[in-house]
Protein backbone atom coordinates (compact mmCIF):
# COMPACT_ATOMS: atom_id res chain seq x y z
CA MET A 1 -2.18 -126.69 -262.89
CA LYS A 2 -3.65 -125.06 -259.75
CA LEU A 3 -1.69 -121.58 -260.42
CA TYR A 4 -3.23 -121.78 -264.04
CA MET A 5 -6.61 -122.00 -263.15
CA LYS A 6 -6.45 -119.26 -260.67
CA GLU A 7 -4.84 -116.99 -262.74
CA LYS A 8 -7.74 -117.83 -265.38
CA LEU A 9 -10.50 -117.09 -262.93
CA GLN A 10 -8.87 -114.03 -261.89
CA LYS A 11 -8.69 -112.90 -265.51
CA THR A 12 -12.36 -114.07 -265.78
CA ASP A 13 -13.35 -111.96 -262.74
CA LYS A 14 -11.84 -108.72 -263.89
CA LYS A 15 -13.56 -109.09 -267.54
CA VAL A 16 -16.70 -109.62 -265.66
CA TRP A 17 -16.01 -106.64 -263.36
CA ILE A 18 -14.85 -104.43 -266.35
CA MET A 19 -18.29 -105.79 -268.45
CA GLY A 20 -20.13 -104.73 -265.42
CA GLY A 21 -18.65 -101.28 -265.11
CA LEU A 22 -19.29 -100.56 -268.82
CA PHE A 23 -22.92 -101.86 -268.71
CA LEU A 24 -23.69 -99.62 -265.77
CA VAL A 25 -21.98 -96.70 -267.45
CA LEU A 26 -24.22 -97.62 -270.47
CA ILE A 27 -27.07 -97.98 -268.32
CA ILE A 28 -26.35 -94.18 -266.92
CA ILE A 29 -25.74 -92.70 -270.30
CA ILE A 30 -29.22 -94.03 -271.41
CA ILE A 31 -31.00 -92.87 -268.32
CA PHE A 32 -29.64 -89.43 -268.41
CA GLY A 33 -29.60 -89.01 -272.30
CA GLY A 34 -33.02 -90.21 -272.42
CA ALA A 35 -34.19 -87.63 -269.58
CA TYR A 36 -32.16 -84.82 -271.43
CA LEU A 37 -33.90 -85.66 -274.75
CA TYR A 38 -37.14 -86.22 -273.33
CA ASN A 39 -36.77 -82.62 -271.55
CA LYS A 40 -35.80 -80.93 -274.50
CA PHE A 41 -37.98 -82.17 -277.24
CA PHE A 42 -41.04 -83.84 -275.22
CA TYR A 43 -41.68 -82.55 -271.56
CA LYS A 44 -44.20 -79.99 -271.43
CA ARG A 45 -43.86 -77.70 -268.51
CA SER A 46 -46.73 -76.29 -266.75
CA TYR A 47 -47.86 -72.61 -266.84
CA GLU A 48 -46.46 -72.43 -263.21
CA GLU A 49 -43.15 -73.37 -264.28
CA VAL A 50 -43.16 -71.05 -267.18
CA GLU A 51 -44.01 -68.36 -264.87
CA THR A 52 -41.07 -69.35 -262.43
CA ILE A 53 -38.72 -69.40 -265.45
CA MET A 54 -39.84 -65.98 -266.61
CA LEU A 55 -39.14 -64.90 -263.01
CA GLU A 56 -35.69 -66.28 -262.79
CA ALA A 57 -34.74 -64.80 -266.09
CA SER A 58 -35.93 -61.58 -265.59
CA LYS A 59 -33.68 -61.33 -262.18
CA ASN A 60 -30.93 -62.74 -263.92
CA TYR A 61 -31.43 -59.75 -266.52
CA LEU A 62 -31.58 -56.85 -264.27
CA SER A 63 -28.55 -58.11 -262.33
CA LYS A 64 -26.76 -57.59 -265.45
CA ASN A 65 -28.32 -54.52 -266.06
CA PRO A 66 -29.00 -52.69 -262.90
CA GLU A 67 -29.55 -49.31 -264.54
CA LYS A 68 -32.60 -50.86 -265.81
CA PHE A 69 -34.24 -51.12 -262.25
CA PRO A 70 -37.22 -48.72 -261.55
CA GLN A 71 -35.83 -45.89 -259.53
CA ASN A 72 -38.57 -44.44 -258.11
CA ILE A 73 -41.23 -45.47 -255.56
CA ASN A 74 -44.04 -47.06 -257.45
CA ASP A 75 -42.73 -46.70 -260.97
CA SER A 76 -42.53 -49.88 -262.66
CA ILE A 77 -40.75 -51.15 -266.10
CA SER A 78 -41.95 -54.26 -268.20
CA ILE A 79 -39.30 -56.71 -269.43
CA SER A 80 -41.10 -58.82 -272.49
CA ALA A 81 -40.33 -62.48 -272.74
CA SER A 82 -38.91 -61.84 -276.31
CA SER A 83 -36.39 -59.47 -274.72
CA LEU A 84 -35.47 -62.11 -272.14
CA VAL A 85 -35.24 -64.19 -274.91
CA ASN A 86 -32.77 -62.05 -277.01
CA ALA A 87 -30.74 -61.61 -274.01
CA GLY A 88 -30.46 -65.30 -273.74
CA GLU A 89 -31.87 -65.49 -270.41
CA MET A 90 -34.29 -67.96 -271.75
CA LYS A 91 -35.98 -70.11 -274.58
CA THR A 92 -39.00 -68.86 -276.24
CA ILE A 93 -42.41 -69.64 -274.19
CA GLU A 94 -43.35 -72.20 -277.17
CA ASN A 95 -40.39 -74.19 -276.65
CA TYR A 96 -41.27 -74.76 -272.86
CA LEU A 97 -44.89 -75.59 -273.82
CA LYS A 98 -44.23 -77.81 -276.53
CA LYS A 99 -47.39 -78.53 -278.66
CA GLU A 100 -49.41 -75.41 -277.03
CA ASP A 101 -52.39 -75.11 -279.53
CA ASN A 102 -52.29 -71.20 -278.80
CA SER A 103 -49.50 -69.02 -279.59
CA CYS A 104 -48.09 -67.35 -276.16
CA SER A 105 -46.95 -64.02 -275.07
CA GLY A 106 -45.83 -62.43 -271.84
CA GLU A 107 -43.94 -60.11 -269.71
CA VAL A 108 -42.36 -59.38 -266.10
CA LYS A 109 -43.42 -56.13 -264.31
CA VAL A 110 -40.93 -54.98 -261.89
CA THR A 111 -42.18 -52.21 -259.52
CA ASN A 112 -40.18 -50.27 -256.87
CA ILE A 113 -41.78 -51.17 -253.79
CA ASN A 114 -40.16 -49.03 -250.81
CA ASN A 115 -36.93 -49.33 -252.94
CA ASP A 116 -37.48 -53.22 -253.04
CA TYR A 117 -38.79 -54.71 -256.38
CA ARG A 118 -41.78 -57.10 -257.13
CA TYR A 119 -41.51 -59.17 -260.05
CA ALA A 120 -44.98 -59.86 -261.29
CA VAL A 121 -45.28 -62.26 -264.46
CA PHE A 122 -47.94 -62.00 -266.76
CA LEU A 123 -48.75 -64.86 -269.31
CA GLU A 124 -51.04 -64.99 -272.10
CA CYS A 125 -51.68 -68.13 -274.35
CA GLY A 126 -55.16 -67.49 -275.90
CA ASP A 127 -58.33 -69.32 -273.72
CA GLN A 128 -55.88 -71.36 -272.10
CA LYS A 129 -53.82 -68.99 -269.84
CA GLN A 130 -54.38 -65.41 -269.11
CA THR A 131 -52.98 -63.44 -266.04
CA VAL A 132 -55.18 -60.75 -265.07
CA LYS A 133 -54.33 -57.78 -263.08
CA PHE A 134 -57.01 -57.70 -259.89
CA THR A 135 -58.39 -53.90 -261.16
CA ASP A 136 -58.83 -55.40 -264.49
CA TYR A 137 -60.84 -58.31 -263.35
CA ILE A 138 -63.08 -56.12 -261.24
CA ASN A 139 -63.59 -53.71 -264.28
CA ASN A 140 -64.56 -56.52 -266.56
CA ASN A 141 -66.50 -58.83 -264.02
CA VAL A 142 -68.22 -56.64 -261.45
CA GLN A 143 -71.36 -54.51 -262.84
CA ILE A 144 -71.17 -51.07 -261.90
CA VAL A 145 -74.84 -50.04 -260.66
CA ASN A 146 -76.72 -46.85 -260.00
CA SER A 147 -78.89 -47.88 -257.23
CA GLY A 148 -79.02 -50.50 -254.45
CA ASN A 149 -76.01 -52.41 -253.13
CA GLY A 150 -72.83 -52.87 -254.90
CA LEU A 151 -69.92 -50.69 -256.84
CA TYR A 152 -70.63 -47.60 -258.07
CA ASN A 153 -68.81 -45.13 -260.50
CA LEU A 154 -68.33 -41.93 -257.74
CA ASN A 155 -65.99 -39.00 -258.03
CA ASN A 156 -64.06 -40.68 -260.43
CA GLU A 157 -63.32 -43.70 -258.03
CA LEU A 158 -65.03 -47.07 -258.32
CA VAL A 159 -66.66 -47.03 -254.86
CA TYR A 160 -68.47 -49.98 -252.45
CA ARG A 161 -71.81 -48.93 -251.18
CA GLY A 162 -74.65 -50.62 -249.06
CA ASP A 163 -74.98 -52.86 -246.32
CA ASN A 164 -74.40 -56.26 -248.73
CA VAL A 165 -71.93 -55.89 -250.85
CA ASP A 166 -69.63 -58.60 -252.12
CA ASN A 167 -66.00 -57.01 -251.36
CA TYR A 168 -64.35 -59.22 -249.21
CA ILE A 169 -60.60 -59.97 -250.17
CA THR A 170 -58.02 -62.14 -248.05
CA PHE A 171 -54.65 -60.48 -247.88
CA SER A 172 -51.84 -61.62 -245.87
CA GLY A 173 -53.88 -64.57 -244.42
CA LYS A 174 -56.38 -61.83 -243.08
CA LYS A 175 -59.77 -60.75 -244.21
CA TYR A 176 -60.23 -57.14 -245.24
CA ARG A 177 -63.12 -55.39 -247.42
CA ILE A 178 -62.38 -53.60 -250.51
CA VAL A 179 -63.44 -49.49 -249.93
CA LYS A 180 -62.63 -48.34 -253.28
CA ILE A 181 -60.57 -48.43 -256.70
CA VAL A 182 -58.49 -45.39 -257.35
CA GLY A 183 -56.89 -45.55 -260.83
CA GLU A 184 -55.19 -48.96 -260.91
CA HIS A 185 -54.95 -49.32 -256.89
CA THR A 186 -57.47 -51.32 -254.76
CA VAL A 187 -58.10 -49.46 -251.13
CA ILE A 188 -58.99 -51.91 -248.55
CA ILE A 189 -59.79 -51.73 -244.87
CA TYR A 190 -59.00 -54.51 -242.17
CA THR A 191 -62.06 -56.27 -240.73
CA GLU A 192 -61.11 -57.58 -237.30
CA LYS A 193 -60.84 -55.64 -234.23
CA THR A 194 -57.66 -54.89 -232.91
CA GLU A 195 -56.26 -53.78 -229.51
CA ASN A 196 -57.61 -50.17 -228.44
CA GLU A 197 -55.27 -47.17 -229.26
CA ILE A 198 -55.46 -43.72 -228.38
CA TRP A 199 -55.50 -41.25 -231.41
CA ASP A 200 -53.00 -39.11 -229.60
CA ASP A 201 -52.21 -38.03 -225.98
CA ARG A 202 -49.73 -35.08 -226.19
CA TYR A 203 -50.16 -31.75 -224.16
CA ASN A 204 -52.74 -29.27 -225.81
CA ILE A 205 -51.95 -25.82 -224.92
CA GLU A 206 -55.60 -24.78 -225.95
CA GLN A 207 -57.11 -27.28 -223.24
CA ASP A 208 -54.27 -26.88 -220.88
CA GLU A 209 -53.76 -30.61 -220.54
CA SER A 210 -52.86 -33.73 -222.35
CA SER A 211 -56.36 -34.01 -224.41
CA GLY A 212 -54.42 -34.96 -227.49
CA ILE A 213 -53.55 -32.78 -230.99
CA ASN A 214 -55.56 -33.63 -233.65
CA ASP A 215 -52.62 -33.40 -236.24
CA TYR A 216 -52.50 -36.89 -237.92
CA SER A 217 -48.71 -36.21 -239.20
CA VAL A 218 -47.44 -36.22 -235.66
CA SER A 219 -50.06 -38.33 -233.78
CA ARG A 220 -49.56 -41.47 -231.73
CA ILE A 221 -51.72 -43.16 -233.83
CA ARG A 222 -49.53 -42.57 -236.91
CA GLU A 223 -46.79 -43.87 -234.90
CA TYR A 224 -48.54 -47.20 -233.96
CA LEU A 225 -49.37 -47.59 -237.71
CA ASP A 226 -46.00 -47.21 -238.84
CA ASP A 227 -44.98 -49.81 -236.23
CA LEU A 228 -47.80 -52.04 -237.38
CA TYR A 229 -46.37 -51.75 -241.02
CA GLN A 230 -42.96 -52.44 -240.20
CA GLY A 231 -43.84 -55.61 -237.93
CA THR A 232 -45.36 -58.89 -239.26
CA THR A 233 -48.43 -59.29 -237.11
CA LEU A 234 -50.89 -57.64 -239.76
CA ILE A 235 -48.55 -57.95 -242.81
CA ALA A 236 -46.24 -60.68 -243.60
CA GLU A 237 -42.56 -59.65 -244.68
CA GLU A 238 -43.03 -60.95 -248.30
CA ASP A 239 -46.63 -59.57 -248.69
CA LYS A 240 -45.29 -56.16 -248.19
CA LEU A 241 -44.39 -55.82 -251.79
CA LEU A 242 -48.36 -55.67 -252.71
CA VAL A 243 -48.41 -52.72 -250.80
CA ALA A 244 -48.19 -49.65 -252.56
CA ALA A 245 -47.01 -46.22 -251.47
CA HIS A 246 -49.68 -43.49 -251.67
CA ASP A 247 -50.74 -40.29 -250.46
CA ILE A 248 -53.23 -39.96 -247.65
CA GLY A 249 -55.57 -37.13 -246.76
CA ILE A 250 -55.26 -35.58 -243.42
CA GLY A 251 -57.58 -32.21 -244.12
CA ARG A 252 -60.07 -31.52 -241.15
CA ARG A 253 -63.95 -31.12 -241.91
CA ASN A 254 -66.57 -29.87 -239.70
CA THR A 255 -69.31 -31.69 -238.10
CA LYS A 256 -71.82 -29.76 -240.50
CA ASP A 257 -69.80 -30.18 -243.67
CA THR A 258 -71.51 -31.89 -246.26
CA ASP A 259 -68.91 -32.54 -248.99
CA LYS A 260 -68.67 -36.06 -249.95
CA THR A 261 -66.05 -35.85 -252.67
CA GLY A 262 -62.93 -35.89 -250.44
CA TYR A 263 -61.98 -32.36 -251.17
CA LEU A 264 -62.09 -31.53 -247.32
CA GLU A 265 -59.90 -34.57 -246.47
CA ASN A 266 -57.57 -34.21 -249.24
CA SER A 267 -57.00 -30.16 -248.98
CA VAL A 268 -53.94 -31.62 -246.87
CA THR A 269 -51.86 -34.82 -247.69
CA LEU A 270 -49.18 -36.62 -246.63
CA ASN A 271 -47.01 -38.45 -249.22
CA ASN A 272 -45.75 -41.83 -249.68
CA GLN A 273 -47.47 -43.88 -247.05
CA TYR A 274 -47.93 -47.25 -247.07
CA ILE A 275 -50.71 -47.56 -244.09
CA GLY A 276 -53.33 -45.45 -242.70
CA LEU A 277 -57.23 -45.23 -241.60
CA LEU A 278 -60.06 -44.55 -243.46
CA GLN A 279 -61.05 -41.00 -244.40
CA MET A 280 -64.26 -39.49 -243.14
CA ASN A 281 -65.72 -39.13 -246.75
CA ASP A 282 -65.44 -42.58 -247.39
CA TYR A 283 -67.42 -43.81 -244.76
CA LEU A 284 -70.22 -41.51 -245.91
CA ASN A 285 -69.88 -42.67 -249.41
CA ALA A 286 -70.30 -46.36 -248.24
CA SER A 287 -74.00 -45.27 -246.99
CA LEU A 288 -77.09 -45.48 -249.39
CA ASP A 289 -79.41 -43.33 -247.43
CA VAL A 290 -79.91 -40.22 -248.85
CA ASN A 291 -80.59 -38.77 -245.41
CA CYS A 292 -76.66 -39.10 -244.69
CA THR A 293 -75.91 -35.47 -245.42
CA THR A 294 -73.35 -34.55 -242.89
CA SER A 295 -70.39 -36.70 -240.56
CA ILE A 296 -72.51 -37.06 -237.69
CA SER A 297 -75.82 -37.77 -239.45
CA PRO A 298 -77.64 -40.94 -237.91
CA SER A 299 -78.50 -42.34 -241.13
CA CYS A 300 -75.23 -42.98 -242.44
CA ALA A 301 -75.41 -45.63 -240.68
CA ASN A 302 -77.82 -47.08 -242.57
CA TYR A 303 -77.16 -49.56 -245.63
CA ASN A 304 -73.62 -48.96 -244.86
CA TYR A 305 -71.00 -52.32 -244.57
CA LEU A 306 -68.79 -50.24 -242.54
CA SER A 307 -70.81 -49.61 -239.67
CA LYS A 308 -71.45 -53.53 -239.16
CA TYR A 309 -69.07 -53.27 -236.08
CA LYS A 310 -70.11 -52.96 -232.69
CA TYR A 311 -66.90 -51.22 -231.16
CA ASN A 312 -65.51 -47.86 -231.65
CA TRP A 313 -63.02 -47.37 -234.23
CA TRP A 314 -60.92 -44.30 -235.48
CA THR A 315 -61.00 -42.54 -238.77
CA MET A 316 -58.11 -40.29 -240.10
CA THR A 317 -60.22 -37.21 -240.05
CA ALA A 318 -60.15 -34.54 -237.41
CA SER A 319 -62.62 -32.04 -236.46
CA ASN A 320 -61.58 -28.49 -237.81
CA ALA A 321 -63.63 -26.73 -234.78
CA ASN A 322 -60.91 -27.72 -232.15
CA SER A 323 -57.05 -28.82 -231.93
CA TYR A 324 -58.15 -31.99 -230.13
CA ARG A 325 -60.95 -33.66 -231.42
CA VAL A 326 -61.29 -36.61 -234.05
CA PHE A 327 -64.36 -38.24 -235.90
CA ARG A 328 -64.58 -41.87 -234.67
CA ILE A 329 -67.37 -44.32 -235.89
CA GLY A 330 -69.21 -45.19 -232.56
CA GLY A 331 -70.28 -48.43 -231.24
CA SER A 332 -73.68 -47.61 -232.22
CA SER A 333 -72.54 -47.23 -235.79
CA GLU A 334 -72.81 -43.53 -235.83
CA ALA A 335 -69.70 -41.14 -236.23
CA ILE A 336 -69.01 -38.66 -233.47
CA THR A 337 -66.30 -36.65 -232.73
CA ALA A 338 -64.15 -37.71 -229.82
CA SER A 339 -61.13 -36.53 -227.71
CA ALA A 340 -57.72 -37.64 -229.22
CA ASN A 341 -56.74 -39.11 -225.84
CA SER A 342 -59.66 -41.59 -226.01
CA SER A 343 -59.67 -44.79 -227.23
CA GLY A 344 -60.61 -46.69 -230.30
CA SER A 345 -60.10 -49.72 -232.04
CA VAL A 346 -57.45 -49.54 -235.29
CA ARG A 347 -58.63 -50.64 -238.83
CA ALA A 348 -55.72 -50.21 -240.95
CA VAL A 349 -56.26 -49.18 -244.62
CA LEU A 350 -53.96 -50.19 -247.48
CA TYR A 351 -53.77 -49.63 -250.91
CA LEU A 352 -52.84 -52.52 -253.23
CA THR A 353 -50.35 -52.13 -256.07
CA LYS A 354 -51.09 -51.54 -259.28
CA ASP A 355 -49.98 -54.96 -260.60
CA ALA A 356 -51.78 -57.03 -257.89
CA ILE A 357 -52.71 -60.30 -259.78
CA TYR A 358 -56.28 -61.82 -259.47
CA VAL A 359 -56.04 -65.33 -258.54
CA SER A 360 -59.80 -66.59 -257.35
CA GLY A 361 -62.86 -65.68 -255.39
CA ASP A 362 -65.95 -63.84 -256.07
CA GLY A 363 -65.94 -61.38 -253.22
CA THR A 364 -68.17 -62.90 -250.91
CA GLU A 365 -67.74 -63.66 -247.24
CA GLU A 366 -67.35 -67.17 -247.89
CA ASN A 367 -65.09 -66.94 -251.04
CA PRO A 368 -63.18 -63.67 -250.61
CA TYR A 369 -60.78 -62.38 -253.39
CA ILE A 370 -57.51 -63.78 -253.46
CA VAL A 371 -54.78 -61.67 -254.94
CA LYS A 372 -50.73 -62.42 -255.28
């Protein structure tokens, strides 16, 4: 009898365990099945999640079609969301957004930046979501003026002029000022004081001493800037995909020259550079003073946001009167020509890539523009 009861209890325990296991499996199926159904039919993803989906889809697409990568520096291609859908890399945007009231479209722009690739996702869903290029944002939201502080249409460029302009921008965690917009590229200058550097200290046969040679292409200052770009103290590695290669003007000018168009500076160019210094004509154009007529006119420091720094800083422009002097903005805010082997602060100038995306900000010092 005892043996019988023991066997019966064992069979009952076994049934309980089996039933418990089946019940647990059923619960798991319900949870995961419900999650799948909710995710498939009801879960509405955020715009940021959709952008991430498009980004990963475009990377997968190009990994399978490497011949479609832009081959040349600064070249770009656009991959539409519909192309990614047709290639089986993602579902339609509406599928992720579920009951979105507006129809959506999107594309991923892929740009060759120093033989690496920047992916910029542009998503448009009516009034609810619209990704905007930074230069388009400036064009559509900042008024062009003809007098006073502000943004001017000058020499086929959009140039900030005056001493009180809302042209602050944060890039890679540091504060810059927007100098101008050239085509689709935003030109920015670093606002902070760096360690003093010599422009050049090579032996100069004309002077028979190491007074430097005022040729930017072979200068010490160029070496310093290239090292600065290659490092991460100024620009974080991931942010370098926002910096575009551009041609810099290294032509020379005289202290008596009155040209402000950049013709003199751009008469000689150095191609495909990622970092540089300010050209002298850009400093002159930033001033609103009508008496700012030559490179060393004291009046150029008036009504000029670039003159608000009480320390010496180098420009990229050399004097054509000799082989060893370079234009430098003095601590008095006036431009002078200084010996290349003297010291000055380095204010790096960068060109942001043409597909830089506006994130936030109004350009004021308290609320600078932010791009990504």
